[in-house]
N, C-alpha and C. Protein backbone atom coordinates (compact mmCIF):
# COMPACT_ATOMS: atom_id res chain seq x y z
N UNK A 1 -73.91 -70.75 -69.32
CA UNK A 1 -74.94 -69.92 -68.77
C UNK A 1 -75.40 -69.00 -70.03
N UNK A 2 -76.53 -68.84 -70.31
CA UNK A 2 -77.01 -68.00 -71.34
C UNK A 2 -76.93 -66.47 -70.91
N UNK A 3 -76.56 -65.73 -71.79
CA UNK A 3 -76.67 -64.23 -71.45
C UNK A 3 -78.05 -63.94 -70.64
N UNK A 4 -79.06 -64.37 -71.13
CA UNK A 4 -80.29 -63.95 -70.53
C UNK A 4 -80.53 -64.46 -69.02
N UNK A 5 -79.65 -65.44 -68.73
CA UNK A 5 -79.83 -66.10 -67.40
C UNK A 5 -78.94 -65.52 -66.23
N UNK A 6 -78.21 -64.47 -66.63
CA UNK A 6 -77.47 -63.84 -65.72
C UNK A 6 -78.09 -62.74 -64.95
N UNK A 7 -78.22 -62.88 -63.46
CA UNK A 7 -78.94 -61.98 -62.70
C UNK A 7 -78.10 -61.02 -62.28
N UNK A 8 -78.17 -59.86 -62.56
CA UNK A 8 -77.35 -58.66 -62.27
C UNK A 8 -76.99 -58.40 -60.87
N UNK A 9 -78.11 -58.78 -59.86
CA UNK A 9 -77.99 -58.53 -58.52
C UNK A 9 -77.24 -59.69 -57.84
N UNK A 10 -77.08 -60.72 -58.38
CA UNK A 10 -76.42 -61.86 -57.69
C UNK A 10 -74.93 -61.90 -57.94
N UNK A 11 -74.32 -62.63 -57.03
CA UNK A 11 -72.95 -62.95 -57.07
C UNK A 11 -72.42 -64.23 -57.62
N UNK A 12 -71.35 -64.41 -58.35
CA UNK A 12 -71.13 -65.56 -59.04
C UNK A 12 -69.50 -65.82 -58.81
N UNK A 13 -69.23 -67.13 -58.93
CA UNK A 13 -67.85 -67.79 -58.97
C UNK A 13 -67.64 -67.99 -60.38
N UNK A 14 -66.47 -67.65 -60.91
CA UNK A 14 -66.03 -67.99 -62.27
C UNK A 14 -64.83 -69.08 -62.10
N UNK A 15 -65.00 -70.01 -62.81
CA UNK A 15 -64.00 -71.13 -62.88
C UNK A 15 -63.35 -71.00 -64.27
N UNK A 16 -62.04 -70.82 -64.43
CA UNK A 16 -61.38 -70.68 -65.74
C UNK A 16 -60.06 -71.43 -65.88
N UNK A 17 -59.92 -72.32 -66.79
CA UNK A 17 -58.57 -72.94 -66.80
C UNK A 17 -57.74 -72.15 -67.81
N UNK A 18 -56.44 -72.16 -67.68
CA UNK A 18 -55.46 -71.62 -68.44
C UNK A 18 -54.34 -72.71 -68.77
N UNK A 19 -53.68 -72.29 -69.85
CA UNK A 19 -52.67 -73.25 -70.27
C UNK A 19 -51.49 -73.33 -69.55
N UNK A 20 -51.15 -72.36 -68.72
CA UNK A 20 -50.10 -72.16 -67.77
C UNK A 20 -50.28 -71.40 -66.68
N UNK A 21 -49.40 -71.33 -65.71
CA UNK A 21 -49.45 -70.44 -64.56
C UNK A 21 -49.24 -69.03 -65.06
N UNK A 22 -48.38 -68.84 -65.98
CA UNK A 22 -48.20 -67.37 -66.50
C UNK A 22 -49.45 -66.88 -67.06
N UNK A 23 -49.99 -67.73 -68.00
CA UNK A 23 -51.21 -67.20 -68.55
C UNK A 23 -52.39 -66.94 -67.52
N UNK A 24 -52.42 -67.85 -66.48
CA UNK A 24 -53.48 -67.55 -65.40
C UNK A 24 -53.30 -66.36 -64.63
N UNK A 25 -52.09 -66.18 -64.32
CA UNK A 25 -51.69 -64.80 -63.64
C UNK A 25 -51.92 -63.61 -64.49
N UNK A 26 -51.69 -63.58 -65.75
CA UNK A 26 -52.01 -62.50 -66.66
C UNK A 26 -53.63 -62.33 -66.66
N UNK A 27 -54.31 -63.29 -66.76
CA UNK A 27 -55.74 -63.44 -66.85
C UNK A 27 -56.32 -62.84 -65.52
N UNK A 28 -55.79 -63.46 -64.38
CA UNK A 28 -56.26 -63.08 -63.12
C UNK A 28 -56.09 -61.61 -62.83
N UNK A 29 -54.92 -61.11 -63.18
CA UNK A 29 -54.50 -59.68 -62.84
C UNK A 29 -55.34 -58.81 -63.77
N UNK A 30 -55.44 -59.13 -64.96
CA UNK A 30 -56.28 -58.25 -65.93
C UNK A 30 -57.74 -58.16 -65.35
N UNK A 31 -58.33 -59.36 -65.02
CA UNK A 31 -59.75 -59.20 -64.57
C UNK A 31 -59.86 -58.55 -63.29
N UNK A 32 -59.00 -58.42 -62.33
CA UNK A 32 -59.00 -57.63 -61.26
C UNK A 32 -58.79 -56.08 -61.60
N UNK A 33 -57.66 -55.84 -62.20
CA UNK A 33 -57.26 -54.48 -62.69
C UNK A 33 -58.38 -53.79 -63.43
N UNK A 34 -59.15 -54.49 -64.17
CA UNK A 34 -60.34 -53.87 -64.85
C UNK A 34 -61.70 -53.93 -64.15
N UNK A 35 -61.42 -54.38 -62.94
CA UNK A 35 -62.73 -54.41 -61.93
C UNK A 35 -63.90 -55.36 -62.55
N UNK A 36 -63.53 -56.27 -63.28
CA UNK A 36 -64.50 -57.23 -63.71
C UNK A 36 -64.77 -58.38 -62.63
N UNK A 37 -63.72 -58.50 -61.80
CA UNK A 37 -63.87 -59.30 -60.54
C UNK A 37 -63.17 -58.75 -59.47
N UNK A 38 -63.82 -58.98 -58.26
CA UNK A 38 -63.17 -58.47 -57.02
C UNK A 38 -61.79 -59.09 -56.57
N UNK A 39 -61.83 -60.43 -56.84
CA UNK A 39 -60.70 -61.18 -56.47
C UNK A 39 -60.47 -62.46 -57.39
N UNK A 40 -59.42 -62.79 -57.49
CA UNK A 40 -59.07 -63.95 -58.38
C UNK A 40 -57.99 -64.90 -57.79
N UNK A 41 -58.19 -66.06 -57.52
CA UNK A 41 -57.14 -67.06 -56.97
C UNK A 41 -56.61 -68.06 -58.22
N UNK A 42 -55.39 -68.03 -58.20
CA UNK A 42 -54.67 -68.95 -59.20
C UNK A 42 -54.26 -70.11 -58.55
N UNK A 43 -54.60 -71.31 -58.91
CA UNK A 43 -54.23 -72.57 -58.48
C UNK A 43 -53.46 -73.32 -59.47
N UNK A 44 -52.20 -73.72 -59.28
CA UNK A 44 -51.39 -74.31 -60.12
C UNK A 44 -50.41 -75.38 -59.31
N UNK A 45 -50.19 -76.39 -59.93
CA UNK A 45 -50.82 -77.02 -61.10
C UNK A 45 -52.22 -77.79 -60.86
N UNK A 46 -52.92 -77.93 -61.82
CA UNK A 46 -54.06 -78.91 -61.73
C UNK A 46 -53.63 -79.86 -62.95
N UNK A 47 -54.08 -81.15 -62.70
CA UNK A 47 -53.77 -82.25 -63.56
C UNK A 47 -55.18 -82.41 -64.26
N UNK A 48 -55.25 -82.24 -65.60
CA UNK A 48 -56.43 -82.15 -66.29
C UNK A 48 -56.39 -83.45 -67.27
N UNK A 49 -57.68 -84.21 -67.22
CA UNK A 49 -57.94 -85.32 -68.24
C UNK A 49 -59.13 -84.79 -69.08
N UNK A 50 -58.96 -84.76 -70.49
CA UNK A 50 -60.08 -84.49 -71.24
C UNK A 50 -60.11 -85.01 -72.71
N UNK A 51 -61.26 -84.92 -73.29
CA UNK A 51 -61.24 -85.34 -74.67
C UNK A 51 -60.98 -84.19 -75.59
N UNK A 52 -60.13 -84.35 -76.47
CA UNK A 52 -59.85 -83.15 -77.54
C UNK A 52 -59.18 -83.88 -78.71
N UNK A 53 -59.78 -83.45 -79.91
CA UNK A 53 -59.19 -84.11 -81.05
C UNK A 53 -59.44 -85.57 -81.29
N UNK A 54 -60.49 -86.15 -80.65
CA UNK A 54 -60.72 -87.52 -80.59
C UNK A 54 -60.00 -88.43 -79.87
N UNK A 55 -59.25 -87.88 -78.87
CA UNK A 55 -58.45 -88.75 -77.98
C UNK A 55 -58.38 -88.02 -76.64
N UNK A 56 -58.07 -88.91 -75.56
CA UNK A 56 -58.04 -88.45 -74.13
C UNK A 56 -56.64 -87.74 -73.97
N UNK A 57 -56.70 -86.49 -73.55
CA UNK A 57 -55.49 -85.76 -73.36
C UNK A 57 -55.29 -85.88 -71.74
N UNK A 58 -53.93 -85.77 -71.35
CA UNK A 58 -53.46 -85.80 -69.93
C UNK A 58 -52.51 -84.55 -69.90
N UNK A 59 -52.94 -83.53 -69.34
CA UNK A 59 -52.14 -82.37 -69.26
C UNK A 59 -52.08 -81.57 -68.00
N UNK A 60 -51.33 -80.62 -67.77
CA UNK A 60 -51.24 -79.89 -66.52
C UNK A 60 -51.54 -78.51 -67.13
N UNK A 61 -52.42 -77.68 -66.11
CA UNK A 61 -52.91 -76.39 -66.53
C UNK A 61 -52.85 -75.73 -65.05
N UNK A 62 -53.42 -74.46 -65.27
CA UNK A 62 -53.66 -73.65 -63.99
C UNK A 62 -55.13 -73.48 -64.05
N UNK A 63 -55.66 -73.08 -62.76
CA UNK A 63 -57.20 -72.75 -62.73
C UNK A 63 -57.11 -71.46 -61.98
N UNK A 64 -58.15 -70.59 -62.39
CA UNK A 64 -58.61 -69.38 -61.73
C UNK A 64 -59.87 -69.52 -61.13
N UNK A 65 -60.24 -69.12 -59.88
CA UNK A 65 -61.43 -69.03 -59.27
C UNK A 65 -61.65 -67.60 -58.95
N UNK A 66 -62.67 -66.94 -59.62
CA UNK A 66 -62.78 -65.53 -59.47
C UNK A 66 -64.12 -65.20 -58.71
N UNK A 67 -64.39 -64.12 -58.17
CA UNK A 67 -65.48 -63.71 -57.46
C UNK A 67 -66.02 -62.31 -58.13
N UNK A 68 -67.37 -62.36 -58.57
CA UNK A 68 -67.79 -61.17 -59.19
C UNK A 68 -69.32 -61.09 -58.95
N UNK A 69 -69.95 -60.06 -59.54
CA UNK A 69 -71.41 -59.91 -59.47
C UNK A 69 -71.93 -60.02 -60.97
N UNK A 70 -73.21 -60.26 -60.91
CA UNK A 70 -73.88 -60.41 -62.31
C UNK A 70 -73.74 -59.22 -63.20
N UNK A 71 -73.45 -58.06 -62.70
CA UNK A 71 -73.27 -56.71 -63.34
C UNK A 71 -72.12 -56.93 -64.32
N UNK A 72 -71.07 -57.64 -63.72
CA UNK A 72 -69.82 -57.79 -64.53
C UNK A 72 -69.49 -59.07 -65.17
N UNK A 73 -70.45 -59.90 -64.95
CA UNK A 73 -70.10 -61.41 -65.38
C UNK A 73 -69.80 -61.56 -67.01
N UNK A 74 -70.84 -60.95 -67.72
CA UNK A 74 -70.68 -61.13 -69.12
C UNK A 74 -69.22 -60.54 -69.64
N UNK A 75 -68.91 -59.31 -69.17
CA UNK A 75 -67.52 -58.72 -69.55
C UNK A 75 -66.37 -59.63 -69.09
N UNK A 76 -66.48 -60.25 -67.93
CA UNK A 76 -65.52 -61.14 -67.36
C UNK A 76 -65.30 -62.31 -68.24
N UNK A 77 -66.39 -62.92 -68.60
CA UNK A 77 -66.30 -64.09 -69.49
C UNK A 77 -65.66 -63.69 -70.76
N UNK A 78 -66.06 -62.65 -71.44
CA UNK A 78 -65.49 -62.23 -72.57
C UNK A 78 -64.07 -61.97 -72.60
N UNK A 79 -63.59 -61.39 -71.38
CA UNK A 79 -62.18 -60.98 -71.17
C UNK A 79 -61.41 -62.35 -71.15
N UNK A 80 -61.92 -63.28 -70.32
CA UNK A 80 -61.09 -64.51 -70.19
C UNK A 80 -61.03 -65.28 -71.47
N UNK A 81 -62.27 -65.23 -72.26
CA UNK A 81 -62.05 -66.00 -73.64
C UNK A 81 -61.10 -65.29 -74.59
N UNK A 82 -60.91 -63.98 -74.54
CA UNK A 82 -59.98 -63.13 -75.29
C UNK A 82 -58.65 -63.36 -75.02
N UNK A 83 -58.35 -63.58 -73.72
CA UNK A 83 -56.96 -63.73 -73.28
C UNK A 83 -56.57 -65.21 -73.35
N UNK A 84 -57.31 -66.15 -73.00
CA UNK A 84 -56.94 -67.43 -73.09
C UNK A 84 -56.26 -68.01 -74.50
N UNK A 85 -55.39 -68.76 -74.33
CA UNK A 85 -54.62 -69.39 -75.48
C UNK A 85 -55.44 -70.68 -75.91
N UNK A 86 -56.42 -71.22 -75.21
CA UNK A 86 -57.11 -72.41 -75.58
C UNK A 86 -58.02 -72.11 -76.85
N UNK A 87 -58.22 -73.05 -77.69
CA UNK A 87 -58.99 -72.93 -78.75
C UNK A 87 -60.37 -72.92 -78.30
N UNK A 88 -60.81 -73.54 -77.17
CA UNK A 88 -62.12 -73.58 -76.64
C UNK A 88 -62.06 -73.58 -75.14
N UNK A 89 -61.72 -72.35 -74.59
CA UNK A 89 -61.41 -72.17 -73.11
C UNK A 89 -62.50 -72.43 -72.30
N UNK A 90 -62.19 -73.10 -71.17
CA UNK A 90 -63.29 -73.40 -70.13
C UNK A 90 -63.46 -72.19 -69.29
N UNK A 91 -64.55 -71.52 -69.48
CA UNK A 91 -64.91 -70.30 -68.71
C UNK A 91 -66.37 -70.54 -68.22
N UNK A 92 -66.60 -70.87 -67.02
CA UNK A 92 -67.97 -71.26 -66.49
C UNK A 92 -68.23 -70.34 -65.20
N UNK A 93 -69.53 -70.11 -65.07
CA UNK A 93 -69.85 -69.44 -63.75
C UNK A 93 -71.08 -70.23 -63.17
N UNK A 94 -71.04 -70.06 -61.89
CA UNK A 94 -72.22 -70.58 -61.00
C UNK A 94 -72.51 -69.45 -59.89
N UNK A 95 -73.80 -69.38 -59.64
CA UNK A 95 -74.17 -68.29 -58.71
C UNK A 95 -73.81 -68.81 -57.27
N UNK A 96 -73.56 -67.68 -56.38
CA UNK A 96 -73.34 -68.04 -55.01
C UNK A 96 -74.58 -67.89 -54.40
N UNK A 97 -74.99 -68.93 -53.62
CA UNK A 97 -76.30 -69.04 -52.95
C UNK A 97 -76.42 -68.30 -51.45
N UNK A 98 -75.26 -68.51 -50.79
CA UNK A 98 -75.38 -68.00 -49.47
C UNK A 98 -73.80 -67.69 -48.96
N UNK A 99 -73.63 -66.88 -47.98
CA UNK A 99 -72.26 -66.57 -47.63
C UNK A 99 -72.24 -65.34 -46.60
N UNK A 100 -70.94 -64.85 -46.47
CA UNK A 100 -70.74 -63.68 -45.56
C UNK A 100 -71.25 -62.49 -46.42
N UNK A 101 -72.31 -61.75 -45.70
CA UNK A 101 -72.89 -60.68 -46.36
C UNK A 101 -71.78 -59.47 -46.53
N UNK A 102 -70.96 -59.47 -45.61
CA UNK A 102 -69.83 -58.46 -45.77
C UNK A 102 -69.04 -58.64 -46.89
N UNK A 103 -68.67 -59.93 -47.18
CA UNK A 103 -67.97 -60.31 -48.34
C UNK A 103 -68.57 -59.94 -49.65
N UNK A 104 -69.90 -60.36 -49.72
CA UNK A 104 -70.69 -59.83 -50.84
C UNK A 104 -70.79 -58.35 -51.12
N UNK A 105 -70.82 -57.70 -50.05
CA UNK A 105 -70.80 -56.09 -50.14
C UNK A 105 -69.40 -55.71 -50.80
N UNK A 106 -68.40 -56.36 -50.22
CA UNK A 106 -67.15 -55.94 -50.76
C UNK A 106 -66.99 -56.32 -52.27
N UNK A 107 -67.34 -57.36 -52.66
CA UNK A 107 -67.52 -57.82 -54.12
C UNK A 107 -68.37 -56.60 -54.94
N UNK A 108 -69.40 -56.26 -54.29
CA UNK A 108 -70.20 -55.23 -54.99
C UNK A 108 -69.45 -53.97 -55.11
N UNK A 109 -68.84 -53.61 -53.94
CA UNK A 109 -68.00 -52.26 -53.97
C UNK A 109 -66.94 -52.22 -55.00
N UNK A 110 -66.07 -53.48 -55.11
CA UNK A 110 -64.99 -53.48 -55.98
C UNK A 110 -65.25 -53.71 -57.35
N UNK A 111 -66.42 -54.21 -57.70
CA UNK A 111 -66.78 -54.35 -59.11
C UNK A 111 -67.86 -53.53 -59.56
N UNK A 112 -68.46 -52.46 -58.71
CA UNK A 112 -69.44 -51.62 -59.02
C UNK A 112 -69.07 -50.65 -60.11
N UNK A 113 -70.03 -50.03 -60.74
CA UNK A 113 -69.79 -49.01 -61.71
C UNK A 113 -69.60 -47.68 -60.91
N UNK A 114 -70.41 -47.52 -59.71
CA UNK A 114 -70.04 -46.29 -58.98
C UNK A 114 -69.18 -46.61 -57.76
N UNK A 115 -67.92 -46.36 -57.83
CA UNK A 115 -67.00 -46.53 -56.84
C UNK A 115 -66.78 -45.23 -56.28
């Protein structure tokens, strides 16, 4: 997602892979503590298959699914990239199209500048 495509008033899921559960926990807790996301779930292990260095890799990783608002998305992506030990970390976002309005309000409250 290009920086210009981020809509500040929308809500987003972040999908981030980490090299280990420990790295995922460190990343998730940092994102929440810095209020870049309202919530982060760590799923471990995930079995990943991907091309790297000209060959197919078969590896175990952890994944983080986080919820945030557009206002914090760019900073959350930058934070994830900074903490990740991957050479080319998977940090992607997609907009949430519908859901529980109370949940969206909670995300806004927990990640907002004016708390």
